């Protein structure tokens, strides 16, 4: 095998962690970070797991660090919000074995509910941040991060973005080098964060940060690239690639560490120019600090704080040039939609028929908010659907939520929904919660979770029984039903919303895209019986379209025979048959 190969950014991060001697990795899937753990799980000598949520994942990785081995935790930017509780205190404590947290930001909101800048959170938590610019950087930076983590007694964040995570570039492979396990030594002043100890650790944190600030101008992951000497640009991460393409003659200070900033190096570079440009996606984290040091710099005066950058955008903003050889094509809108045979469509169709509204959550079922289903009316964060509905009931009473339910996926329920349901039980809610159990973590690419019976490594394990779990925490009424039992589901939901008892309905049917799924049936349309009423189109199945004559056409290559459309045709024009 060649020493140099092309790798995805996420694959390169996994490779770097492997070469750095990581022994334990605990993560929660979240686009665009998911593949890191999946690649890492393939390496021998590394224990990799999916945790129920990011807080648990970081705590587990920290435990491995305390025990003296190098550990990793991966998540997306909103996952870091969940992990902030341990993060801020781990920053005080420090590490034993090196601890790196990979956080993938999502400029442009390709698959998230917001744009967040992890560098802002890291500054608040006093955690150093490294930011690679391509797959080669990614592999080497994470190895260097472990050196820094152990040298400065601190967790380190490796910040990536969607573009870096999912783009490819050349990586030079190295050998796995596993450092000796560090012995654990009891030290309550360091590891037990009671107020007296925490005061002392805060002092240690500031000393560490000052030392790192002084040293980081000499870190090899920062570099100055000489140009024509007419324009100086300070940049980092994927933006470096855009700068190189848009401004090939510029002098560039490429920062590898972005918290703390290498002040001395930045001042030396900036002194060569009357004015420097700062190019960074999302918030002006570098820019504001550079300007506060009295350096004449421009940044967000020219560039937006929203979305992904590009070389074309930089050329237009800096040079006033639009070199694009084409104009954006005018194409029909293609809104996101649930897959053919998705069990969530069945649940939302029933809710729509019953005239109910849903407090929504994070996952594929977020698409229940879009036409033609248009049922979900709130989406905040993982587990919030249940808490939001509870808050509605407490604000306005039972009558107000008679036409509301909470919907949440099985993985999301185990992530943070359980706590919200406990709150409902404890505070005597009478609402209805529907768990959409499709036996996987769907939106991030079909990862296992604690109720699927499989680990990240593919090993069999105990599968949590959601029915028994709900009963154990005190939910008085719990039902499990096939998500495609249209009439049974209608009856169960109709009864639940009218009752004065907290009810959980588990609508269970596997995701249509799960590996190994087979489909015994398909649906066919009869042109003779079709009245062209369009009722079957109301479920929004992409396998069903209207022909040129107005009659319904079912694409047999897309249909998996779920039969939901049969319930909507009053004229028997759609039939479910053996495949």
Protein backbone atom coordinates (compact mmCIF):
# COMPACT_ATOMS: atom_id res chain seq x y z
CA UNK A 1 0.00 0.00 0.00
CA UNK A 2 1.26 3.49 -0.89
CA UNK A 3 2.46 5.73 1.91
CA UNK A 4 0.31 8.49 0.42
CA UNK A 5 -3.39 8.06 -0.24
CA UNK A 6 -6.43 10.28 -0.74
CA UNK A 7 -8.69 10.45 2.31
CA UNK A 8 -11.81 12.21 3.46
CA UNK A 9 -11.16 14.73 6.20
CA UNK A 10 -13.07 12.57 8.67
CA UNK A 11 -11.16 9.48 7.61
CA UNK A 12 -7.88 11.34 8.06
CA UNK A 13 -8.87 12.41 11.58
CA UNK A 14 -9.55 8.78 12.45
CA UNK A 15 -6.21 7.77 10.97
CA UNK A 16 -4.42 10.45 12.96
CA UNK A 17 -6.06 9.33 16.19
CA UNK A 18 -5.03 5.75 15.43
CA UNK A 19 -1.42 6.75 14.72
CA UNK A 20 -1.39 8.87 17.90
CA UNK A 21 -2.09 5.76 19.96
CA UNK A 22 -5.67 6.53 20.97
CA UNK A 23 -7.11 3.62 22.91
CA UNK A 24 -10.65 4.81 23.74
CA UNK A 25 -13.12 6.82 21.65
CA UNK A 26 -16.66 7.65 22.75
CA UNK A 27 -18.92 9.74 20.52
CA UNK A 28 -22.45 10.44 19.39
CA UNK A 29 -23.24 10.56 15.66
CA UNK A 30 -23.88 13.99 14.22
CA UNK A 31 -23.33 15.19 10.67
CA UNK A 32 -20.68 16.22 9.67
CA UNK A 33 -18.61 14.36 12.31
CA UNK A 34 -20.18 10.88 12.17
CA UNK A 35 -17.73 9.08 9.89
CA UNK A 36 -14.75 9.72 12.19
CA UNK A 37 -15.97 7.14 14.68
CA UNK A 38 -17.06 4.72 11.97
CA UNK A 39 -13.59 4.77 10.40
CA UNK A 40 -11.88 4.58 13.79
CA UNK A 41 -13.91 1.52 14.80
CA UNK A 42 -12.25 -0.44 11.98
CA UNK A 43 -8.79 -0.17 13.53
CA UNK A 44 -7.50 -2.89 15.85
CA UNK A 45 -6.33 -1.69 19.22
CA UNK A 46 -8.91 1.09 19.49
CA UNK A 47 -12.08 0.74 21.53
CA UNK A 48 -14.74 2.89 19.86
CA UNK A 49 -18.35 3.28 21.00
CA UNK A 50 -21.54 5.20 20.40
CA UNK A 51 -22.69 6.83 23.63
CA UNK A 52 -26.34 7.82 24.25
CA UNK A 53 -25.40 11.51 23.96
CA UNK A 54 -22.41 13.85 23.75
CA UNK A 55 -22.29 14.59 27.48
CA UNK A 56 -21.93 10.90 28.27
CA UNK A 57 -19.42 10.49 25.43
CA UNK A 58 -17.12 13.25 26.71
CA UNK A 59 -17.36 12.00 30.29
CA UNK A 60 -16.41 8.49 29.16
CA UNK A 61 -13.46 9.79 27.16
CA UNK A 62 -12.39 11.87 30.15
CA UNK A 63 -12.54 8.75 32.33
CA UNK A 64 -10.19 6.99 29.93
CA UNK A 65 -7.88 9.99 30.10
CA UNK A 66 -7.90 9.92 33.90
CA UNK A 67 -6.99 6.23 33.74
CA UNK A 68 -3.92 7.22 31.75
CA UNK A 69 -4.61 6.52 28.06
CA UNK A 70 -5.17 8.77 25.09
CA UNK A 71 -8.87 9.29 24.44
CA UNK A 72 -11.10 10.90 21.82
CA UNK A 73 -14.66 12.22 21.68
CA UNK A 74 -16.32 13.37 18.42
CA UNK A 75 -19.49 15.41 17.90
CA UNK A 76 -21.05 18.17 15.82
CA UNK A 77 -21.27 21.77 16.97
CA UNK A 78 -24.70 21.50 18.60
CA UNK A 79 -23.52 18.31 20.28
CA UNK A 80 -20.88 20.39 22.03
CA UNK A 81 -23.74 22.28 23.67
CA UNK A 82 -24.81 19.02 25.32
CA UNK A 83 -21.22 18.29 26.33
CA UNK A 84 -20.55 21.75 27.77
CA UNK A 85 -21.44 20.69 31.30
CA UNK A 86 -18.41 18.40 31.65
CA UNK A 87 -16.27 20.41 29.21
CA UNK A 88 -16.05 23.57 31.30
CA UNK A 89 -15.01 21.61 34.39
CA UNK A 90 -12.66 19.25 32.55
CA UNK A 91 -10.89 22.40 31.38
CA UNK A 92 -10.23 23.20 35.05
CA UNK A 93 -9.14 19.67 35.87
CA UNK A 94 -6.92 18.99 32.89
CA UNK A 95 -5.94 15.52 31.75
CA UNK A 96 -3.78 12.52 32.48
CA UNK A 97 -3.66 10.75 29.13
CA UNK A 98 -4.19 13.14 26.22
CA UNK A 99 -7.81 14.11 25.54
CA UNK A 100 -8.99 15.52 22.20
CA UNK A 101 -12.53 16.57 21.33
CA UNK A 102 -13.30 16.80 17.61
CA UNK A 103 -16.11 19.27 16.94
CA UNK A 104 -17.51 19.69 13.43
CA UNK A 105 -19.13 23.04 12.70
CA UNK A 106 -21.70 23.41 9.93
CA UNK A 107 -21.37 26.79 8.14
CA UNK A 108 -24.24 27.07 5.71
CA UNK A 109 -26.48 24.86 7.87
CA UNK A 110 -26.31 21.85 5.56
CA UNK A 111 -27.73 19.53 8.23
CA UNK A 112 -28.23 21.45 11.47
CA UNK A 113 -30.64 23.77 13.24
CA UNK A 114 -28.20 26.66 13.49
CA UNK A 115 -24.75 28.00 12.61
CA UNK A 116 -22.49 27.99 15.65
CA UNK A 117 -18.84 28.82 15.99
CA UNK A 118 -17.08 26.36 18.27
CA UNK A 119 -14.21 28.79 18.76
CA UNK A 120 -16.57 31.02 20.76
CA UNK A 121 -17.51 28.18 23.09
CA UNK A 122 -13.88 27.12 23.43
CA UNK A 123 -12.83 30.63 24.44
CA UNK A 124 -15.51 30.65 27.14
CA UNK A 125 -14.34 27.25 28.39
CA UNK A 126 -10.63 28.18 28.09
CA UNK A 127 -9.96 25.18 25.85
CA UNK A 128 -7.30 25.41 23.10
CA UNK A 129 -8.48 24.93 19.51
CA UNK A 130 -6.55 23.61 16.50
CA UNK A 131 -8.02 24.03 13.03
CA UNK A 132 -6.78 22.01 10.04
CA UNK A 133 -7.18 23.12 6.43
CA UNK A 134 -7.23 19.77 4.59
CA UNK A 135 -7.06 16.03 5.20
CA UNK A 136 -3.27 16.05 5.53
CA UNK A 137 -3.49 18.75 8.18
CA UNK A 138 -6.31 16.89 9.90
CA UNK A 139 -4.25 13.75 10.39
CA UNK A 140 -1.16 15.57 11.60
CA UNK A 141 -2.99 18.15 13.72
CA UNK A 142 -4.79 15.55 15.80
CA UNK A 143 -1.48 13.82 16.51
CA UNK A 144 0.01 17.14 17.54
CA UNK A 145 -3.08 17.85 19.64
CA UNK A 146 -2.29 14.86 21.84
CA UNK A 147 1.24 16.14 22.40
CA UNK A 148 -0.11 19.55 23.40
CA UNK A 149 -2.82 18.02 25.59
CA UNK A 150 -0.30 16.13 27.68
CA UNK A 151 2.33 18.88 27.68
CA UNK A 152 -0.05 21.61 28.85
CA UNK A 153 -2.40 19.39 30.91
CA UNK A 154 -5.51 20.39 28.97
CA UNK A 155 -8.21 18.98 26.73
CA UNK A 156 -7.83 20.14 23.13
CA UNK A 157 -10.57 20.82 20.59
CA UNK A 158 -9.91 20.02 16.95
CA UNK A 159 -12.38 22.16 14.99
CA UNK A 160 -13.48 21.04 11.55
CA UNK A 161 -16.25 22.16 9.22
CA UNK A 162 -18.59 20.40 6.81
CA UNK A 163 -16.42 21.17 3.78
CA UNK A 164 -13.26 19.82 5.43
CA UNK A 165 -14.99 16.77 6.90
CA UNK A 166 -16.38 15.66 3.56
CA UNK A 167 -13.69 16.76 1.10
CA UNK A 168 -10.69 14.68 0.06
CA UNK A 169 -6.99 15.37 -0.17
CA UNK A 170 -3.67 13.57 0.09
CA UNK A 171 -2.57 12.06 3.40
CA UNK A 172 0.80 10.54 4.18
CA UNK A 173 0.35 7.45 6.31
CA UNK A 174 2.47 6.82 9.38
CA UNK A 175 2.91 4.09 11.95
CA UNK A 176 0.79 3.73 15.06
CA UNK A 177 2.82 4.69 18.11
CA UNK A 178 1.18 3.93 21.44
CA UNK A 179 2.72 5.79 24.37
CA UNK A 180 2.98 4.01 27.69
CA UNK A 181 -0.10 4.34 29.84
CA UNK A 182 0.29 7.11 32.36
CA UNK A 183 -0.18 5.94 35.94
CA UNK A 184 -3.19 7.28 37.78
CA UNK A 185 -2.22 8.99 41.02
CA UNK A 186 -4.88 10.03 43.53
CA UNK A 187 -5.06 13.81 43.59
CA UNK A 188 -8.30 15.26 44.94
CA UNK A 189 -7.03 18.81 44.44
CA UNK A 190 -6.89 18.10 40.69
CA UNK A 191 -9.73 15.65 40.06
CA UNK A 192 -12.42 16.55 42.60
CA UNK A 193 -14.03 19.86 41.71
CA UNK A 194 -15.49 21.02 44.99
CA UNK A 195 -15.39 24.80 45.47
CA UNK A 196 -12.10 24.88 47.41
CA UNK A 197 -10.31 22.72 44.81
CA UNK A 198 -11.95 24.50 41.86
CA UNK A 199 -10.57 27.86 43.01
CA UNK A 200 -7.05 26.46 42.84
CA UNK A 201 -7.64 24.80 39.48
CA UNK A 202 -8.92 28.07 38.02
CA UNK A 203 -5.55 29.59 38.88
CA UNK A 204 -3.79 26.63 37.26
CA UNK A 205 -5.97 27.05 34.16
CA UNK A 206 -4.95 30.70 33.76
CA UNK A 207 -1.28 29.83 34.22
CA UNK A 208 -1.59 27.10 31.58
CA UNK A 209 -3.36 29.44 29.19
CA UNK A 210 -0.74 32.16 29.63
CA UNK A 211 2.06 29.66 29.04
CA UNK A 212 0.38 28.37 25.92
CA UNK A 213 -0.23 31.92 24.65
CA UNK A 214 3.48 32.64 25.07
CA UNK A 215 4.56 29.42 23.36
CA UNK A 216 2.06 29.05 20.53
CA UNK A 217 3.71 31.55 18.17
CA UNK A 218 6.43 28.91 17.75
CA UNK A 219 4.09 25.97 17.12
CA UNK A 220 4.95 24.30 13.80
CA UNK A 221 1.28 24.16 12.79
CA UNK A 222 1.37 27.93 12.11
CA UNK A 223 3.21 29.12 9.03
CA UNK A 224 3.82 32.22 6.93
CA UNK A 225 3.67 31.78 3.16
CA UNK A 226 5.46 34.55 1.29
CA UNK A 227 3.78 36.23 -1.66
CA UNK A 228 4.28 39.45 -3.59
CA UNK A 229 4.41 41.48 -0.41
CA UNK A 230 1.46 43.68 -1.36
CA UNK A 231 -1.34 42.05 0.63
CA UNK A 232 -1.28 40.23 3.97
CA UNK A 233 -4.01 37.74 4.89
CA UNK A 234 -4.54 36.01 8.23
CA UNK A 235 -6.66 32.89 7.91
CA UNK A 236 -7.17 29.33 9.15
CA UNK A 237 -9.04 26.12 8.42
CA UNK A 238 -10.84 25.58 5.14
CA UNK A 239 -10.73 29.34 4.45
CA UNK A 240 -7.01 28.94 3.75
CA UNK A 241 -7.92 26.95 0.64
CA UNK A 242 -10.22 29.71 -0.58
CA UNK A 243 -7.58 32.37 0.03
CA UNK A 244 -4.94 30.39 -1.88
CA UNK A 245 -7.24 30.10 -4.88
CA UNK A 246 -8.63 33.64 -4.83
CA UNK A 247 -5.42 35.50 -3.89
CA UNK A 248 -2.45 33.49 -5.20
CA UNK A 249 -0.03 36.43 -4.81
CA UNK A 250 -0.97 37.29 -1.22
CA UNK A 251 1.28 36.80 1.79
CA UNK A 252 -0.59 34.40 4.08
CA UNK A 253 -0.36 33.71 7.79
CA UNK A 254 -1.96 30.27 8.08
CA UNK A 255 -2.94 29.67 11.70
CA UNK A 256 -3.07 26.12 12.97
CA UNK A 257 -4.01 27.13 16.50
CA UNK A 258 -6.92 29.57 16.80
CA UNK A 259 -7.32 29.60 20.59
CA UNK A 260 -5.24 31.01 22.11
CA UNK A 261 -4.02 33.06 19.17
CA UNK A 262 -0.26 33.33 18.53
CA UNK A 263 -0.13 37.05 19.29
CA UNK A 264 3.58 37.57 18.76
CA UNK A 265 3.50 35.85 15.37
CA UNK A 266 0.42 37.79 14.27
CA UNK A 267 2.01 41.10 15.32
CA UNK A 268 5.22 40.27 13.43
CA UNK A 269 3.30 39.36 10.29
CA UNK A 270 0.96 42.35 10.47
CA UNK A 271 3.86 44.79 10.89
CA UNK A 272 4.83 44.07 7.28
CA UNK A 273 1.62 45.64 5.96
CA UNK A 274 -0.34 48.85 6.39
CA UNK A 275 -3.47 46.72 6.67
CA UNK A 276 -4.17 42.99 6.88
CA UNK A 277 -7.23 40.99 5.91
CA UNK A 278 -8.70 38.42 8.29
CA UNK A 279 -10.61 35.66 6.49
CA UNK A 280 -12.61 33.32 8.75
CA UNK A 281 -16.03 31.70 8.45
CA UNK A 282 -18.83 32.57 10.88
CA UNK A 283 -17.89 34.80 13.83
CA UNK A 284 -15.05 37.39 13.86
CA UNK A 285 -13.14 35.49 16.54
CA UNK A 286 -9.67 36.15 15.15
CA UNK A 287 -10.55 39.57 13.77
CA UNK A 288 -11.82 41.06 17.01
CA UNK A 289 -8.74 39.97 18.94
CA UNK A 290 -6.38 41.22 16.24
CA UNK A 291 -8.09 44.62 16.17
CA UNK A 292 -8.01 44.80 19.99
CA UNK A 293 -4.20 44.62 19.78
CA UNK A 294 -4.16 47.84 17.72
CA UNK A 295 -3.54 46.10 14.40
CA UNK A 296 -5.16 47.72 11.35
CA UNK A 297 -7.28 44.89 9.98
CA UNK A 298 -10.37 44.32 7.89
CA UNK A 299 -12.65 41.34 7.97
CA UNK A 300 -16.38 41.30 8.41
CA UNK A 301 -16.63 44.76 6.84
CA UNK A 302 -16.04 42.84 3.61
CA UNK A 303 -17.34 39.36 4.40
CA UNK A 304 -20.54 37.93 5.81
CA UNK A 305 -20.88 36.17 9.16
CA UNK A 306 -23.27 33.69 7.54
CA UNK A 307 -22.72 30.51 5.59
CA UNK A 308 -19.77 28.92 3.82
CA UNK A 309 -17.18 31.01 2.03
CA UNK A 310 -15.77 30.28 -1.42
CA UNK A 311 -12.95 31.49 -3.63
CA UNK A 312 -15.47 33.23 -5.88
CA UNK A 313 -16.96 35.08 -2.92
CA UNK A 314 -13.52 36.28 -1.79
CA UNK A 315 -12.61 37.48 -5.29
CA UNK A 316 -15.81 39.47 -5.49
CA UNK A 317 -15.50 40.94 -1.97
CA UNK A 318 -11.79 41.78 -2.11
CA UNK A 319 -11.04 42.36 -5.78
CA UNK A 320 -14.49 43.34 -7.05
CA UNK A 321 -14.23 40.56 -9.63
CA UNK A 322 -16.79 37.93 -10.56
CA UNK A 323 -14.87 35.34 -12.55
CA UNK A 324 -17.58 32.72 -12.62
CA UNK A 325 -17.93 31.32 -16.12
CA UNK A 326 -21.57 30.53 -15.59
CA UNK A 327 -24.62 32.05 -14.01
CA UNK A 328 -26.65 30.20 -11.47
CA UNK A 329 -29.14 28.05 -13.30
CA UNK A 330 -32.82 28.48 -12.67
CA UNK A 331 -34.04 25.05 -11.63
CA UNK A 332 -37.27 23.88 -10.03
CA UNK A 333 -37.25 23.78 -6.24
CA UNK A 334 -36.64 20.32 -4.82
CA UNK A 335 -37.74 20.37 -1.22
CA UNK A 336 -36.55 17.65 1.17
CA UNK A 337 -38.99 14.81 1.63
CA UNK A 338 -39.30 11.55 3.56
CA UNK A 339 -38.17 8.44 1.67
CA UNK A 340 -40.69 6.06 0.02
CA UNK A 341 -41.96 3.66 2.66
CA UNK A 342 -40.75 5.76 5.58
CA UNK A 343 -42.70 4.81 8.73
CA UNK A 344 -42.65 8.44 9.85
CA UNK A 345 -44.86 9.35 6.88
CA UNK A 346 -47.52 6.98 8.16
CA UNK A 347 -47.51 8.59 11.63
CA UNK A 348 -47.63 12.14 10.27
CA UNK A 349 -50.40 11.18 7.86
CA UNK A 350 -52.49 9.95 10.77
CA UNK A 351 -51.76 13.11 12.75
CA UNK A 352 -52.81 15.24 9.79
CA UNK A 353 -56.02 13.25 9.33
CA UNK A 354 -56.85 13.73 13.01
CA UNK A 355 -56.14 17.47 12.78
CA UNK A 356 -53.32 17.28 15.32
CA UNK A 357 -50.18 19.37 15.63
CA UNK A 358 -46.76 18.12 16.69
CA UNK A 359 -44.03 19.47 18.88
CA UNK A 360 -41.09 18.19 16.82
CA UNK A 361 -37.54 17.07 17.43
CA UNK A 362 -34.22 16.53 15.63
CA UNK A 363 -34.07 13.74 13.06
CA UNK A 364 -35.58 12.63 9.76
CA UNK A 365 -39.02 13.33 11.20
CA UNK A 366 -38.21 17.05 11.14
CA UNK A 367 -39.56 16.73 7.60
CA UNK A 368 -43.00 16.35 9.13
CA UNK A 369 -43.00 20.15 9.14
CA UNK A 370 -42.93 20.51 5.35
CA UNK A 371 -45.74 20.20 2.80
CA UNK A 372 -47.81 18.26 2.18
CA UNK A 373 -47.76 16.80 5.71
CA UNK A 374 -47.11 20.10 7.55
CA UNK A 375 -47.75 18.68 11.02
CA UNK A 376 -44.68 19.58 13.11
CA UNK A 377 -44.76 23.17 14.37
CA UNK A 378 -41.72 23.41 16.64
CA UNK A 379 -38.16 22.09 16.43
CA UNK A 380 -35.47 23.23 18.85
CA UNK A 381 -32.92 20.61 19.84
CA UNK A 382 -32.53 16.96 20.80
CA UNK A 383 -35.21 15.93 23.29
CA UNK A 384 -36.97 19.29 23.28
CA UNK A 385 -40.22 18.06 21.72
CA UNK A 386 -41.33 16.48 24.99
CA UNK A 387 -40.21 19.38 27.20
CA UNK A 388 -41.80 21.98 24.92
CA UNK A 389 -45.15 20.18 24.97
CA UNK A 390 -44.98 19.92 28.76
CA UNK A 391 -44.34 23.65 28.96
CA UNK A 392 -47.35 24.33 26.74
CA UNK A 393 -49.56 22.28 29.02
CA UNK A 394 -48.31 24.01 32.13
CA UNK A 395 -48.81 27.42 30.51
CA UNK A 396 -52.32 26.92 29.12
CA UNK A 397 -53.74 23.74 30.62
CA UNK A 398 -54.90 20.40 29.24
CA UNK A 399 -57.52 21.83 26.90
CA UNK A 400 -54.86 23.82 25.05
CA UNK A 401 -52.89 20.69 24.12
CA UNK A 402 -55.86 18.51 23.14
CA UNK A 403 -54.72 18.87 19.54
CA UNK A 404 -50.97 18.56 20.24
CA UNK A 405 -48.60 15.60 20.56
CA UNK A 406 -44.82 15.36 20.92
CA UNK A 407 -42.92 13.29 18.34
CA UNK A 408 -39.38 12.01 18.89
CA UNK A 409 -37.18 9.32 17.37
CA UNK A 410 -35.86 6.28 19.22
CA UNK A 411 -32.22 7.44 19.18
CA UNK A 412 -33.18 10.99 20.14
CA UNK A 413 -35.39 9.67 22.93
CA UNK A 414 -32.43 7.83 24.42
CA UNK A 415 -30.19 10.88 23.83
CA UNK A 416 -32.10 13.40 25.95
CA UNK A 417 -35.78 12.57 25.56
CA UNK A 418 -35.77 10.23 28.56
CA UNK A 419 -35.03 13.10 30.93
CA UNK A 420 -37.85 15.14 29.41
CA UNK A 421 -40.27 12.25 29.85
CA UNK A 422 -39.16 11.82 33.46
CA UNK A 423 -40.04 15.48 33.95
CA UNK A 424 -43.50 14.86 32.50
CA UNK A 425 -44.08 11.93 34.86
CA UNK A 426 -42.75 13.80 37.87
CA UNK A 427 -44.77 16.93 37.21
CA UNK A 428 -48.01 15.13 36.36
CA UNK A 429 -48.32 15.87 32.65
CA UNK A 430 -51.30 14.45 30.77
CA UNK A 431 -49.88 14.92 27.27
CA UNK A 432 -49.25 12.38 24.49
CA UNK A 433 -45.76 11.44 23.35
CA UNK A 434 -45.14 9.41 20.20
CA UNK A 435 -41.77 7.69 19.89
CA UNK A 436 -41.02 7.06 16.22
CA UNK A 437 -39.00 3.87 16.57
CA UNK A 438 -37.37 3.07 13.23
CA UNK A 439 -34.64 0.95 14.85
CA UNK A 440 -31.74 3.23 13.95
CA UNK A 441 -30.21 6.71 14.07
CA UNK A 442 -31.56 7.59 10.65
CA UNK A 443 -30.57 11.09 9.62
CA UNK A 444 -26.85 10.68 10.32
CA UNK A 445 -26.55 7.48 8.27
CA UNK A 446 -28.04 4.54 10.19
CA UNK A 447 -25.87 4.23 13.26
CA UNK A 448 -26.78 1.87 16.09
CA UNK A 449 -27.88 3.05 19.52
CA UNK A 450 -28.68 1.46 22.90
CA UNK A 451 -32.02 0.05 21.69
CA UNK A 452 -30.80 -1.64 18.49
CA UNK A 453 -28.83 -4.49 20.05
CA UNK A 454 -25.58 -3.68 18.20
CA UNK A 455 -22.50 -1.68 19.20
CA UNK A 456 -20.40 0.58 16.97
CA UNK A 457 -18.05 -2.37 16.54
CA UNK A 458 -20.97 -4.48 15.27
CA UNK A 459 -21.06 -6.69 18.34
CA UNK A 460 -24.34 -7.97 19.78
CA UNK A 461 -25.41 -6.37 23.04
CA UNK A 462 -28.46 -5.86 25.22
CA UNK A 463 -31.16 -3.87 23.45
CA UNK A 464 -33.06 -1.49 25.72
CA UNK A 465 -36.79 -2.19 25.64
CA UNK A 466 -38.46 1.19 25.17
CA UNK A 467 -41.82 -0.06 26.43
CA UNK A 468 -40.35 -1.34 29.67
CA UNK A 469 -38.19 1.77 30.04
CA UNK A 470 -41.22 4.06 29.79
CA UNK A 471 -43.13 1.93 32.28
CA UNK A 472 -40.18 1.87 34.65
CA UNK A 473 -40.03 5.65 34.89
CA UNK A 474 -43.74 5.75 35.69
CA UNK A 475 -45.61 6.45 32.44
CA UNK A 476 -49.15 5.18 33.19
CA UNK A 477 -50.13 4.28 29.61
CA UNK A 478 -47.64 2.83 27.11
CA UNK A 479 -48.60 1.31 23.77
CA UNK A 480 -46.47 -0.24 21.05
CA UNK A 481 -47.94 -0.45 17.57
CA UNK A 482 -46.78 -1.02 13.99
CA UNK A 483 -46.28 2.40 12.41
CA UNK A 484 -48.11 1.19 9.28
CA UNK A 485 -51.18 -0.02 11.16
CA UNK A 486 -53.09 3.01 9.92
CA UNK A 487 -56.39 2.30 11.63
CA UNK A 488 -54.85 1.03 14.86
CA UNK A 489 -52.57 4.04 15.06
CA UNK A 490 -55.50 6.39 14.41
CA UNK A 491 -57.48 4.81 17.24
CA UNK A 492 -54.55 4.83 19.68
CA UNK A 493 -53.61 8.47 19.05
CA UNK A 494 -57.23 9.62 19.03
CA UNK A 495 -57.83 7.96 22.38
CA UNK A 496 -54.59 9.25 23.92
CA UNK A 497 -55.13 12.93 23.16
CA UNK A 498 -58.60 12.80 24.70
CA UNK A 499 -57.49 11.10 27.89
CA UNK A 500 -56.35 12.76 31.09
CA UNK A 501 -53.40 10.40 31.48
CA UNK A 502 -49.83 10.77 30.23
CA UNK A 503 -49.55 8.38 27.30
CA UNK A 504 -46.59 7.16 25.27
CA UNK A 505 -47.22 5.52 21.91
CA UNK A 506 -44.27 3.72 20.34
CA UNK A 507 -44.86 3.58 16.58
CA UNK A 508 -42.44 0.85 15.57
CA UNK A 509 -41.29 -0.08 12.07
CA UNK A 510 -37.73 -0.24 10.69
CA UNK A 511 -36.32 2.45 8.43
CA UNK A 512 -36.86 1.52 4.79
CA UNK A 513 -33.17 2.14 4.06
CA UNK A 514 -31.75 -0.17 6.72
CA UNK A 515 -29.28 -2.69 5.37
CA UNK A 516 -30.84 -6.10 4.86
CA UNK A 517 -34.39 -4.81 4.52
CA UNK A 518 -36.48 -6.84 2.08
CA UNK A 519 -39.91 -5.92 0.74
CA UNK A 520 -42.47 -8.56 -0.05
CA UNK A 521 -45.04 -6.22 -1.56
CA UNK A 522 -45.51 -3.34 -3.95
CA UNK A 523 -48.42 -1.08 -4.77
CA UNK A 524 -49.95 -0.76 -8.22
CA UNK A 525 -52.45 1.75 -9.55
CA UNK A 526 -55.44 0.92 -11.74
CA UNK A 527 -56.03 3.51 -14.45
CA UNK A 528 -59.60 2.26 -14.90
CA UNK A 529 -60.52 2.91 -11.25
CA UNK A 530 -58.52 6.12 -10.66
CA UNK A 531 -60.83 9.12 -10.30
CA UNK A 532 -57.91 11.59 -10.43
CA UNK A 533 -58.95 13.07 -7.08
CA UNK A 534 -55.36 13.35 -5.84
CA UNK A 535 -56.08 12.09 -2.31
CA UNK A 536 -53.13 9.69 -2.46
CA UNK A 537 -50.81 12.59 -3.24
CA UNK A 538 -51.54 14.10 0.17
CA UNK A 539 -49.12 11.71 1.87
CA UNK A 540 -46.21 13.14 -0.14
CA UNK A 541 -44.71 9.80 -1.21
CA UNK A 542 -42.12 10.40 -3.96
CA UNK A 543 -43.06 7.09 -5.60
CA UNK A 544 -46.50 8.49 -6.48
CA UNK A 545 -46.85 11.05 -9.25
CA UNK A 546 -49.60 12.35 -11.50
CA UNK A 547 -49.44 11.33 -15.16
CA UNK A 548 -50.05 13.62 -18.10
CA UNK A 549 -53.73 12.64 -18.11
CA UNK A 550 -54.12 13.35 -14.40
CA UNK A 551 -54.22 9.70 -13.37
CA UNK A 552 -51.90 8.38 -10.65
CA UNK A 553 -48.63 6.66 -11.55
CA UNK A 554 -46.68 4.56 -9.01
CA UNK A 555 -42.97 4.09 -9.72
CA UNK A 556 -42.33 0.41 -9.05
CA UNK A 557 -38.59 1.01 -8.65
CA UNK A 558 -39.24 3.33 -5.69
CA UNK A 559 -42.30 1.76 -4.06
CA UNK A 560 -41.57 -0.74 -1.29
CA UNK A 561 -45.18 -1.70 -0.71
CA UNK A 562 -45.76 -0.03 2.66
CA UNK A 563 -49.43 0.31 1.65
CA UNK A 564 -50.04 3.71 3.22
CA UNK A 565 -51.49 5.06 -0.03
CA UNK A 566 -54.09 2.27 -0.10
CA UNK A 567 -55.74 3.85 2.94
CA UNK A 568 -56.25 7.10 1.05
CA UNK A 569 -57.96 5.74 -2.06
CA UNK A 570 -61.72 5.40 -1.55
CA UNK A 571 -62.21 3.90 -5.02
CA UNK A 572 -59.91 0.88 -4.77
CA UNK A 573 -57.63 2.21 -7.49
CA UNK A 574 -54.48 1.31 -5.53
CA UNK A 575 -53.76 -2.29 -4.61
CA UNK A 576 -51.01 -3.84 -2.51
CA UNK A 577 -49.76 -7.00 -4.16
CA UNK A 578 -46.95 -9.53 -3.77
CA UNK A 579 -43.71 -8.43 -5.36
